[in-house]
Amino acid sequence: MPTIATNDMQKLLIQEHNFKDGVFAAAHALKTIQEHRLYKAKGYSNFENYCIDEMQIKKAQAYRIISAAKDGNPDHAGELYTTLEQEIQYFMSAFSEFIGGAGK
């Protein structure tokens, strides 16, 4: 495995965390838009057309994302995101391995 500078590893872990947070936030945003019919504020009569035009995703994809937001089960969205506990465990493990190998 190539050697990665401590600074680069920290940047990588932060960006991975940001990505996962972003996906989770997007799932909750779609869920809120759909449940409260907020798409009507832009003149859309249905959620499907809103998703296609505004979000550039198909209805089936939107509902898979929403499913993940509703029950927190990553399997329902093709492991769209991990739970916060899993993120923390991954971060601590990766950082500990990196620090442990840095002195070698």
PDB file of N, CA and C in Angstrom:
ATOM      1  N   MET A   1       0.841  -1.171   0.000  1.00  0.00           N
ATOM      2  CA  MET A   1       0.000   0.000   0.000  1.00  0.00           C
ATOM      3  C   MET A   1       0.890   1.239   0.000  1.00  0.00           C
ATOM      4  N   PRO A   2       0.600   2.225  -0.866  1.00  0.00           N
ATOM      5  CA  PRO A   2       1.440   3.409  -0.926  1.00  0.00           C
ATOM      6  C   PRO A   2       1.363   4.212   0.372  1.00  0.00           C
ATOM      7  N   THR A   3       2.463   4.871   0.684  1.00  0.00           N
ATOM      8  CA  THR A   3       2.507   5.726   1.857  1.00  0.00           C
ATOM      9  C   THR A   3       1.748   7.006   1.567  1.00  0.00           C
ATOM     10  N   ILE A   4       0.878   7.381   2.510  1.00  0.00           N
ATOM     11  CA  ILE A   4       0.093   8.606   2.363  1.00  0.00           C
ATOM     12  C   ILE A   4       0.463   9.519   3.523  1.00  0.00           C
ATOM     13  N   ALA A   5       0.744  10.771   3.222  1.00  0.00           N
ATOM     14  CA  ALA A   5       1.077  11.732   4.268  1.00  0.00           C
ATOM     15  C   ALA A   5      -0.093  11.882   5.226  1.00  0.00           C
ATOM     16  N   THR A   6       0.210  12.160   6.489  1.00  0.00           N
ATOM     17  CA  THR A   6      -0.829  12.335   7.507  1.00  0.00           C
ATOM     18  C   THR A   6      -1.851  13.360   7.062  1.00  0.00           C
ATOM     19  N   ASN A   7      -1.389  14.462   6.506  1.00  0.00           N
ATOM     20  CA  ASN A   7      -2.281  15.522   6.054  1.00  0.00           C
ATOM     21  C   ASN A   7      -3.220  15.019   4.958  1.00  0.00           C
ATOM     22  N   ASP A   8      -2.710  14.232   4.030  1.00  0.00           N
ATOM     23  CA  ASP A   8      -3.547  13.686   2.955  1.00  0.00           C
ATOM     24  C   ASP A   8      -4.575  12.699   3.495  1.00  0.00           C
ATOM     25  N   MET A   9      -4.187  11.872   4.470  1.00  0.00           N
ATOM     26  CA  MET A   9      -5.122  10.922   5.056  1.00  0.00           C
ATOM     27  C   MET A   9      -6.245  11.667   5.760  1.00  0.00           C
ATOM     28  N   GLN A  10      -5.911  12.702   6.502  1.00  0.00           N
ATOM     29  CA  GLN A  10      -6.934  13.491   7.185  1.00  0.00           C
ATOM     30  C   GLN A  10      -7.885  14.118   6.170  1.00  0.00           C
ATOM     31  N   LYS A  11      -7.344  14.668   5.084  1.00  0.00           N
ATOM     32  CA  LYS A  11      -8.176  15.276   4.041  1.00  0.00           C
ATOM     33  C   LYS A  11      -9.098  14.233   3.411  1.00  0.00           C
ATOM     34  N   LEU A  12      -8.549  13.046   3.148  1.00  0.00           N
ATOM     35  CA  LEU A  12      -9.334  11.974   2.557  1.00  0.00           C
ATOM     36  C   LEU A  12     -10.488  11.572   3.472  1.00  0.00           C
ATOM     37  N   LEU A  13     -10.199  11.353   4.738  1.00  0.00           N
ATOM     38  CA  LEU A  13     -11.232  10.942   5.687  1.00  0.00           C
ATOM     39  C   LEU A  13     -12.307  12.016   5.835  1.00  0.00           C
ATOM     40  N   ILE A  14     -11.914  13.262   5.833  1.00  0.00           N
ATOM     41  CA  ILE A  14     -12.884  14.362   5.914  1.00  0.00           C
ATOM     42  C   ILE A  14     -13.777  14.371   4.679  1.00  0.00           C
ATOM     43  N   GLN A  15     -13.186  14.199   3.506  1.00  0.00           N
ATOM     44  CA  GLN A  15     -13.978  14.217   2.269  1.00  0.00           C
ATOM     45  C   GLN A  15     -14.910  13.017   2.181  1.00  0.00           C
ATOM     46  N   GLU A  16     -14.461  11.856   2.639  1.00  0.00           N
ATOM     47  CA  GLU A  16     -15.348  10.686   2.673  1.00  0.00           C
ATOM     48  C   GLU A  16     -16.527  10.947   3.607  1.00  0.00           C
ATOM     49  N   HIS A  17     -16.250  11.535   4.747  1.00  0.00           N
ATOM     50  CA  HIS A  17     -17.316  11.878   5.697  1.00  0.00           C
ATOM     51  C   HIS A  17     -18.281  12.884   5.073  1.00  0.00           C
ATOM     52  N   ASN A  18     -17.753  13.913   4.409  1.00  0.00           N
ATOM     53  CA  ASN A  18     -18.592  14.925   3.761  1.00  0.00           C
ATOM     54  C   ASN A  18     -19.482  14.309   2.690  1.00  0.00           C
ATOM     55  N   PHE A  19     -18.925  13.369   1.936  1.00  0.00           N
ATOM     56  CA  PHE A  19     -19.707  12.694   0.897  1.00  0.00           C
ATOM     57  C   PHE A  19     -20.887  11.952   1.524  1.00  0.00           C
ATOM     58  N   LYS A  20     -20.611  11.193   2.563  1.00  0.00           N
ATOM     59  CA  LYS A  20     -21.666  10.418   3.216  1.00  0.00           C
ATOM     60  C   LYS A  20     -22.711  11.339   3.822  1.00  0.00           C
ATOM     61  N   ASP A  21     -22.275  12.422   4.452  1.00  0.00           N
ATOM     62  CA  ASP A  21     -23.227  13.394   5.004  1.00  0.00           C
ATOM     63  C   ASP A  21     -24.063  14.016   3.899  1.00  0.00           C
ATOM     64  N   GLY A  22     -23.424  14.309   2.769  1.00  0.00           N
ATOM     65  CA  GLY A  22     -24.142  14.915   1.647  1.00  0.00           C
ATOM     66  C   GLY A  22     -25.210  14.001   1.079  1.00  0.00           C
ATOM     67  N   VAL A  23     -24.897  12.731   0.975  1.00  0.00           N
ATOM     68  CA  VAL A  23     -25.870  11.760   0.465  1.00  0.00           C
ATOM     69  C   VAL A  23     -27.043  11.648   1.425  1.00  0.00           C
ATOM     70  N   PHE A  24     -26.737  11.587   2.723  1.00  0.00           N
ATOM     71  CA  PHE A  24     -27.788  11.500   3.723  1.00  0.00           C
ATOM     72  C   PHE A  24     -28.666  12.752   3.688  1.00  0.00           C
ATOM     73  N   ALA A  25     -28.052  13.921   3.574  1.00  0.00           N
ATOM     74  CA  ALA A  25     -28.812  15.179   3.505  1.00  0.00           C
ATOM     75  C   ALA A  25     -29.690  15.216   2.257  1.00  0.00           C
ATOM     76  N   ALA A  26     -29.157  14.744   1.137  1.00  0.00           N
ATOM     77  CA  ALA A  26     -29.936  14.717  -0.112  1.00  0.00           C
ATOM     78  C   ALA A  26     -31.143  13.788   0.035  1.00  0.00           C
ATOM     79  N   ALA A  27     -30.960  12.668   0.690  1.00  0.00           N
ATOM     80  CA  ALA A  27     -32.068  11.728   0.892  1.00  0.00           C
ATOM     81  C   ALA A  27     -33.173  12.363   1.728  1.00  0.00           C
ATOM     82  N   HIS A  28     -32.791  13.047   2.777  1.00  0.00           N
ATOM     83  CA  HIS A  28     -33.787  13.707   3.618  1.00  0.00           C
ATOM     84  C   HIS A  28     -34.461  14.866   2.892  1.00  0.00           C
ATOM     85  N   ALA A  29     -33.712  15.578   2.064  1.00  0.00           N
ATOM     86  CA  ALA A  29     -34.296  16.683   1.293  1.00  0.00           C
ATOM     87  C   ALA A  29     -35.354  16.158   0.327  1.00  0.00           C
ATOM     88  N   LEU A  30     -35.037  15.095  -0.399  1.00  0.00           N
ATOM     89  CA  LEU A  30     -36.015  14.511  -1.328  1.00  0.00           C
ATOM     90  C   LEU A  30     -37.251  14.018  -0.588  1.00  0.00           C
ATOM     91  N   LYS A  31     -37.040  13.391   0.557  1.00  0.00           N
ATOM     92  CA  LYS A  31     -38.157  12.894   1.361  1.00  0.00           C
ATOM     93  C   LYS A  31     -39.073  14.044   1.767  1.00  0.00           C
ATOM     94  N   THR A  32     -38.497  15.138   2.212  1.00  0.00           N
ATOM     95  CA  THR A  32     -39.280  16.305   2.642  1.00  0.00           C
ATOM     96  C   THR A  32     -40.023  16.930   1.467  1.00  0.00           C
ATOM     97  N   ILE A  33     -39.339  17.070   0.336  1.00  0.00           N
ATOM     98  CA  ILE A  33     -39.978  17.630  -0.864  1.00  0.00           C
ATOM     99  C   ILE A  33     -41.171  16.780  -1.275  1.00  0.00           C
ATOM    100  N   GLN A  34     -41.001  15.464  -1.255  1.00  0.00           N
ATOM    101  CA  GLN A  34     -42.071  14.549  -1.669  1.00  0.00           C
ATOM    102  C   GLN A  34     -43.218  14.540  -0.668  1.00  0.00           C
ATOM    103  N   GLU A  35     -42.900  14.381   0.619  1.00  0.00           N
ATOM    104  CA  GLU A  35     -43.946  14.264   1.637  1.00  0.00           C
ATOM    105  C   GLU A  35     -44.794  15.528   1.767  1.00  0.00           C
ATOM    106  N   HIS A  36     -44.168  16.683   1.628  1.00  0.00           N
ATOM    107  CA  HIS A  36     -44.876  17.956   1.801  1.00  0.00           C
ATOM    108  C   HIS A  36     -45.307  18.583   0.470  1.00  0.00           C
ATOM    109  N   ARG A  37     -45.063  17.824  -0.597  1.00  0.00           N
ATOM    110  CA  ARG A  37     -45.431  18.272  -1.951  1.00  0.00           C
ATOM    111  C   ARG A  37     -44.879  19.663  -2.275  1.00  0.00           C
ATOM    112  N   LEU A  38     -43.664  19.882  -1.855  1.00  0.00           N
ATOM    113  CA  LEU A  38     -43.027  21.181  -2.071  1.00  0.00           C
ATOM    114  C   LEU A  38     -42.740  21.459  -3.540  1.00  0.00           C
ATOM    115  N   TYR A  39     -42.721  20.420  -4.351  1.00  0.00           N
ATOM    116  CA  TYR A  39     -42.499  20.579  -5.791  1.00  0.00           C
ATOM    117  C   TYR A  39     -43.576  21.452  -6.422  1.00  0.00           C
ATOM    118  N   LYS A  40     -44.733  21.533  -5.806  1.00  0.00           N
ATOM    119  CA  LYS A  40     -45.834  22.348  -6.338  1.00  0.00           C
ATOM    120  C   LYS A  40     -45.487  23.834  -6.334  1.00  0.00           C
ATOM    121  N   ALA A  41     -44.581  24.243  -5.448  1.00  0.00           N
ATOM    122  CA  ALA A  41     -44.164  25.649  -5.387  1.00  0.00           C
ATOM    123  C   ALA A  41     -43.495  26.094  -6.687  1.00  0.00           C
ATOM    124  N   LYS A  42     -42.928  25.139  -7.428  1.00  0.00           N
ATOM    125  CA  LYS A  42     -42.311  25.448  -8.729  1.00  0.00           C
ATOM    126  C   LYS A  42     -43.251  25.136  -9.887  1.00  0.00           C
ATOM    127  N   GLY A  43     -44.486  24.848  -9.575  1.00  0.00           N
ATOM    128  CA  GLY A  43     -45.484  24.620 -10.611  1.00  0.00           C
ATOM    129  C   GLY A  43     -45.602  23.194 -11.108  1.00  0.00           C
ATOM    130  N   TYR A  44     -44.931  22.257 -10.456  1.00  0.00           N
ATOM    131  CA  TYR A  44     -45.017  20.859 -10.870  1.00  0.00           C
ATOM    132  C   TYR A  44     -46.273  20.227 -10.270  1.00  0.00           C
ATOM    133  N   SER A  45     -46.949  19.441 -11.073  1.00  0.00           N
ATOM    134  CA  SER A  45     -48.147  18.770 -10.575  1.00  0.00           C
ATOM    135  C   SER A  45     -47.824  17.432  -9.924  1.00  0.00           C
ATOM    136  N   ASN A  46     -46.628  16.901 -10.194  1.00  0.00           N
ATOM    137  CA  ASN A  46     -46.256  15.623  -9.568  1.00  0.00           C
ATOM    138  C   ASN A  46     -44.760  15.548  -9.282  1.00  0.00           C
ATOM    139  N   PHE A  47     -44.433  14.684  -8.356  1.00  0.00           N
ATOM    140  CA  PHE A  47     -43.064  14.506  -7.887  1.00  0.00           C
ATOM    141  C   PHE A  47     -42.159  13.946  -8.983  1.00  0.00           C
ATOM    142  N   GLU A  48     -42.699  13.058  -9.791  1.00  0.00           N
ATOM    143  CA  GLU A  48     -41.905  12.425 -10.854  1.00  0.00           C
ATOM    144  C   GLU A  48     -41.339  13.466 -11.820  1.00  0.00           C
ATOM    145  N   ASN A  49     -42.179  14.351 -12.307  1.00  0.00           N
ATOM    146  CA  ASN A  49     -41.698  15.373 -13.248  1.00  0.00           C
ATOM    147  C   ASN A  49     -40.706  16.323 -12.589  1.00  0.00           C
ATOM    148  N   TYR A  50     -40.952  16.641 -11.334  1.00  0.00           N
ATOM    149  CA  TYR A  50     -40.025  17.489 -10.586  1.00  0.00           C
ATOM    150  C   TYR A  50     -38.640  16.829 -10.526  1.00  0.00           C
ATOM    151  N   CYS A  51     -38.608  15.558 -10.177  1.00  0.00           N
ATOM    152  CA  CYS A  51     -37.327  14.833 -10.076  1.00  0.00           C
ATOM    153  C   CYS A  51     -36.590  14.801 -11.401  1.00  0.00           C
ATOM    154  N   ILE A  52     -37.315  14.535 -12.463  1.00  0.00           N
ATOM    155  CA  ILE A  52     -36.695  14.457 -13.788  1.00  0.00           C
ATOM    156  C   ILE A  52     -36.135  15.814 -14.205  1.00  0.00           C
ATOM    157  N   ASP A  53     -36.949  16.857 -14.072  1.00  0.00           N
ATOM    158  CA  ASP A  53     -36.539  18.180 -14.543  1.00  0.00           C
ATOM    159  C   ASP A  53     -35.539  18.879 -13.626  1.00  0.00           C
ATOM    160  N   GLU A  54     -35.803  18.848 -12.346  1.00  0.00           N
ATOM    161  CA  GLU A  54     -35.003  19.635 -11.403  1.00  0.00           C
ATOM    162  C   GLU A  54     -33.825  18.877 -10.803  1.00  0.00           C
ATOM    163  N   MET A  55     -34.002  17.599 -10.535  1.00  0.00           N
ATOM    164  CA  MET A  55     -32.962  16.815  -9.873  1.00  0.00           C
ATOM    165  C   MET A  55     -32.184  15.917 -10.829  1.00  0.00           C
ATOM    166  N   GLN A  56     -32.670  15.815 -12.054  1.00  0.00           N
ATOM    167  CA  GLN A  56     -32.005  14.995 -13.070  1.00  0.00           C
ATOM    168  C   GLN A  56     -31.921  13.524 -12.665  1.00  0.00           C
ATOM    169  N   ILE A  57     -32.962  13.040 -11.970  1.00  0.00           N
ATOM    170  CA  ILE A  57     -33.030  11.625 -11.596  1.00  0.00           C
ATOM    171  C   ILE A  57     -34.416  11.097 -11.930  1.00  0.00           C
ATOM    172  N   LYS A  58     -34.488   9.801 -12.149  1.00  0.00           N
ATOM    173  CA  LYS A  58     -35.768   9.164 -12.449  1.00  0.00           C
ATOM    174  C   LYS A  58     -36.519   8.867 -11.152  1.00  0.00           C
ATOM    175  N   LYS A  59     -37.801   8.653 -11.302  1.00  0.00           N
ATOM    176  CA  LYS A  59     -38.684   8.399 -10.161  1.00  0.00           C
ATOM    177  C   LYS A  59     -38.193   7.227  -9.311  1.00  0.00           C
ATOM    178  N   ALA A  60     -37.823   6.121  -9.933  1.00  0.00           N
ATOM    179  CA  ALA A  60     -37.392   4.932  -9.187  1.00  0.00           C
ATOM    180  C   ALA A  60     -36.163   5.240  -8.335  1.00  0.00           C
ATOM    181  N   GLN A  61     -35.231   5.991  -8.901  1.00  0.00           N
ATOM    182  CA  GLN A  61     -34.029   6.354  -8.150  1.00  0.00           C
ATOM    183  C   GLN A  61     -34.393   7.257  -6.970  1.00  0.00           C
ATOM    184  N   ALA A  62     -35.278   8.210  -7.189  1.00  0.00           N
ATOM    185  CA  ALA A  62     -35.712   9.105  -6.108  1.00  0.00           C
ATOM    186  C   ALA A  62     -36.337   8.308  -4.969  1.00  0.00           C
ATOM    187  N   TYR A  63     -37.166   7.342  -5.295  1.00  0.00           N
ATOM    188  CA  TYR A  63     -37.822   6.559  -4.248  1.00  0.00           C
ATOM    189  C   TYR A  63     -36.854   5.626  -3.516  1.00  0.00           C
ATOM    190  N   ARG A  64     -35.821   5.142  -4.191  1.00  0.00           N
ATOM    191  CA  ARG A  64     -34.791   4.348  -3.497  1.00  0.00           C
ATOM    192  C   ARG A  64     -34.053   5.230  -2.490  1.00  0.00           C
ATOM    193  N   ILE A  65     -33.750   6.453  -2.907  1.00  0.00           N
ATOM    194  CA  ILE A  65     -33.070   7.391  -2.017  1.00  0.00           C
ATOM    195  C   ILE A  65     -33.960   7.735  -0.830  1.00  0.00           C
ATOM    196  N   ILE A  66     -35.229   8.002  -1.088  1.00  0.00           N
ATOM    197  CA  ILE A  66     -36.181   8.326  -0.022  1.00  0.00           C
ATOM    198  C   ILE A  66     -36.337   7.158   0.945  1.00  0.00           C
ATOM    199  N   SER A  67     -36.360   5.955   0.423  1.00  0.00           N
ATOM    200  CA  SER A  67     -36.487   4.767   1.262  1.00  0.00           C
ATOM    201  C   SER A  67     -35.357   4.704   2.281  1.00  0.00           C
ATOM    202  N   ALA A  68     -34.165   5.035   1.868  1.00  0.00           N
ATOM    203  CA  ALA A  68     -33.024   5.032   2.779  1.00  0.00           C
ATOM    204  C   ALA A  68     -33.197   6.082   3.866  1.00  0.00           C
ATOM    205  N   ALA A  69     -33.737   7.220   3.507  1.00  0.00           N
ATOM    206  CA  ALA A  69     -33.936   8.294   4.482  1.00  0.00           C
ATOM    207  C   ALA A  69     -35.029   7.937   5.485  1.00  0.00           C
ATOM    208  N   LYS A  70     -36.048   7.208   5.051  1.00  0.00           N
ATOM    209  CA  LYS A  70     -37.182   6.908   5.926  1.00  0.00           C
ATOM    210  C   LYS A  70     -36.829   5.947   7.045  1.00  0.00           C
ATOM    211  N   ASP A  71     -36.068   4.909   6.729  1.00  0.00           N
ATOM    212  CA  ASP A  71     -35.837   3.907   7.773  1.00  0.00           C
ATOM    213  C   ASP A  71     -34.377   3.737   8.165  1.00  0.00           C
ATOM    214  N   GLY A  72     -33.502   4.480   7.548  1.00  0.00           N
ATOM    215  CA  GLY A  72     -32.099   4.394   7.919  1.00  0.00           C
ATOM    216  C   GLY A  72     -31.434   3.097   7.525  1.00  0.00           C
ATOM    217  N   ASN A  73     -32.079   2.291   6.686  1.00  0.00           N
ATOM    218  CA  ASN A  73     -31.518   1.017   6.265  1.00  0.00           C
ATOM    219  C   ASN A  73     -30.772   1.201   4.946  1.00  0.00           C
ATOM    220  N   PRO A  74     -29.438   1.184   4.980  1.00  0.00           N
ATOM    221  CA  PRO A  74     -28.671   1.405   3.762  1.00  0.00           C
ATOM    222  C   PRO A  74     -28.921   0.357   2.675  1.00  0.00           C
ATOM    223  N   ASP A  75     -29.368  -0.836   3.051  1.00  0.00           N
ATOM    224  CA  ASP A  75     -29.642  -1.873   2.051  1.00  0.00           C
ATOM    225  C   ASP A  75     -30.768  -1.464   1.113  1.00  0.00           C
ATOM    226  N   HIS A  76     -31.673  -0.629   1.571  1.00  0.00           N
ATOM    227  CA  HIS A  76     -32.808  -0.228   0.747  1.00  0.00           C
ATOM    228  C   HIS A  76     -32.431   0.758  -0.350  1.00  0.00           C
ATOM    229  N   ALA A  77     -31.261   1.278  -0.312  1.00  0.00           N
ATOM    230  CA  ALA A  77     -30.802   2.198  -1.357  1.00  0.00           C
ATOM    231  C   ALA A  77     -29.446   1.764  -1.889  1.00  0.00           C
ATOM    232  N   GLY A  78     -29.227   0.475  -1.898  1.00  0.00           N
ATOM    233  CA  GLY A  78     -27.958  -0.035  -2.407  1.00  0.00           C
ATOM    234  C   GLY A  78     -26.783   0.440  -1.578  1.00  0.00           C
ATOM    235  N   GLU A  79     -26.962   0.422  -0.263  1.00  0.00           N
ATOM    236  CA  GLU A  79     -25.945   0.913   0.663  1.00  0.00           C
ATOM    237  C   GLU A  79     -25.553   2.342   0.317  1.00  0.00           C
ATOM    238  N   LEU A  80     -26.548   3.183   0.229  1.00  0.00           N
ATOM    239  CA  LEU A  80     -26.385   4.580  -0.147  1.00  0.00           C
ATOM    240  C   LEU A  80     -25.532   5.346   0.846  1.00  0.00           C
ATOM    241  N   TYR A  81     -25.665   5.037   2.081  1.00  0.00           N
ATOM    242  CA  TYR A  81     -24.867   5.696   3.107  1.00  0.00           C
ATOM    243  C   TYR A  81     -24.676   4.747   4.271  1.00  0.00           C
ATOM    244  N   THR A  82     -23.758   5.067   5.145  1.00  0.00           N
ATOM    245  CA  THR A  82     -23.552   4.254   6.337  1.00  0.00           C
ATOM    246  C   THR A  82     -24.120   4.995   7.536  1.00  0.00           C
ATOM    247  N   THR A  83     -24.323   4.270   8.615  1.00  0.00           N
ATOM    248  CA  THR A  83     -24.813   4.923   9.817  1.00  0.00           C
ATOM    249  C   THR A  83     -23.694   5.721  10.460  1.00  0.00           C
ATOM    250  N   LEU A  84     -24.049   6.660  11.283  1.00  0.00           N
ATOM    251  CA  LEU A  84     -23.056   7.488  11.957  1.00  0.00           C
ATOM    252  C   LEU A  84     -22.098   6.626  12.776  1.00  0.00           C
ATOM    253  N   GLU A  85     -22.626   5.627  13.448  1.00  0.00           N
ATOM    254  CA  GLU A  85     -21.771   4.750  14.252  1.00  0.00           C
ATOM    255  C   GLU A  85     -20.733   4.056  13.374  1.00  0.00           C
ATOM    256  N   GLN A  86     -21.135   3.572  12.196  1.00  0.00           N
ATOM    257  CA  GLN A  86     -20.200   2.910  11.294  1.00  0.00           C
ATOM    258  C   GLN A  86     -19.146   3.894  10.799  1.00  0.00           C
ATOM    259  N   GLU A  87     -19.552   5.138  10.529  1.00  0.00           N
ATOM    260  CA  GLU A  87     -18.599   6.153  10.085  1.00  0.00           C
ATOM    261  C   GLU A  87     -17.541   6.397  11.153  1.00  0.00           C
ATOM    262  N   ILE A  88     -17.980   6.538  12.390  1.00  0.00           N
ATOM    263  CA  ILE A  88     -17.050   6.801  13.478  1.00  0.00           C
ATOM    264  C   ILE A  88     -16.087   5.632  13.644  1.00  0.00           C
ATOM    265  N   GLN A  89     -16.597   4.403  13.599  1.00  0.00           N
ATOM    266  CA  GLN A  89     -15.737   3.231  13.723  1.00  0.00           C
ATOM    267  C   GLN A  89     -14.722   3.181  12.583  1.00  0.00           C
ATOM    268  N   TYR A  90     -15.159   3.465  11.363  1.00  0.00           N
ATOM    269  CA  TYR A  90     -14.261   3.453  10.222  1.00  0.00           C
ATOM    270  C   TYR A  90     -13.175   4.508  10.392  1.00  0.00           C
ATOM    271  N   PHE A  91     -13.583   5.713  10.768  1.00  0.00           N
ATOM    272  CA  PHE A  91     -12.632   6.807  10.927  1.00  0.00           C
ATOM    273  C   PHE A  91     -11.589   6.462  11.977  1.00  0.00           C
ATOM    274  N   MET A  92     -12.037   5.967  13.127  1.00  0.00           N
ATOM    275  CA  MET A  92     -11.110   5.638  14.208  1.00  0.00           C
ATOM    276  C   MET A  92     -10.175   4.506  13.804  1.00  0.00           C
ATOM    277  N   SER A  93     -10.696   3.503  13.136  1.00  0.00           N
ATOM    278  CA  SER A  93      -9.877   2.377  12.709  1.00  0.00           C
ATOM    279  C   SER A  93      -8.830   2.808  11.683  1.00  0.00           C
ATOM    280  N   ALA A  94      -9.272   3.554  10.678  1.00  0.00           N
ATOM    281  CA  ALA A  94      -8.349   4.005   9.632  1.00  0.00           C
ATOM    282  C   ALA A  94      -7.278   4.924  10.204  1.00  0.00           C
ATOM    283  N   PHE A  95      -7.666   5.811  11.080  1.00  0.00           N
ATOM    284  CA  PHE A  95      -6.711   6.744  11.657  1.00  0.00           C
ATOM    285  C   PHE A  95      -5.728   6.012  12.564  1.00  0.00           C
ATOM    286  N   SER A  96      -6.233   5.050  13.360  1.00  0.00           N
ATOM    287  CA  SER A  96      -5.353   4.269  14.247  1.00  0.00           C
ATOM    288  C   SER A  96      -4.347   3.453  13.437  1.00  0.00           C
ATOM    289  N   GLU A  97      -4.809   2.836  12.363  1.00  0.00           N
ATOM    290  CA  GLU A  97      -3.897   2.070  11.502  1.00  0.00           C
ATOM    291  C   GLU A  97      -2.842   2.975  10.897  1.00  0.00           C
ATOM    292  N   PHE A  98      -3.266   4.146  10.463  1.00  0.00           N
ATOM    293  CA  PHE A  98      -2.335   5.089   9.841  1.00  0.00           C
ATOM    294  C   PHE A  98      -1.291   5.548  10.855  1.00  0.00           C
ATOM    295  N   ILE A  99      -1.727   5.936  12.030  1.00  0.00           N
ATOM    296  CA  ILE A  99      -0.821   6.413  13.058  1.00  0.00           C
ATOM    297  C   ILE A  99       0.113   5.289  13.500  1.00  0.00           C
ATOM    298  N   GLY A 100      -0.431   4.073  13.652  1.00  0.00           N
ATOM    299  CA  GLY A 100       0.380   2.921  14.040  1.00  0.00           C
ATOM    300  C   GLY A 100       1.454   2.594  13.020  1.00  0.00           C
ATOM    301  N   GLY A 101       1.182   2.791  11.759  1.00  0.00           N
ATOM    302  CA  GLY A 101       2.149   2.492  10.697  1.00  0.00           C
ATOM    303  C   GLY A 101       3.087   3.634  10.400  1.00  0.00           C
ATOM    304  N   ALA A 102       2.786   4.823  10.914  1.00  0.00           N
ATOM    305  CA  ALA A 102       3.599   6.003  10.602  1.00  0.00           C
ATOM    306  C   ALA A 102       4.983   5.921  11.230  1.00  0.00           C
ATOM    307  N   GLY A 103       5.087   5.223  12.358  1.00  0.00           N
ATOM    308  CA  GLY A 103       6.382   5.152  13.038  1.00  0.00           C
ATOM    309  C   GLY A 103       7.274   4.052  12.525  1.00  0.00           C
ATOM    310  N   LYS A 104       6.823   3.264  11.572  1.00  0.00           N
ATOM    311  CA  LYS A 104       7.599   2.122  11.066  1.00  0.00           C
ATOM    312  C   LYS A 104       8.571   2.544   9.997  1.00  0.00           C
TER     313      LYS A 104
END
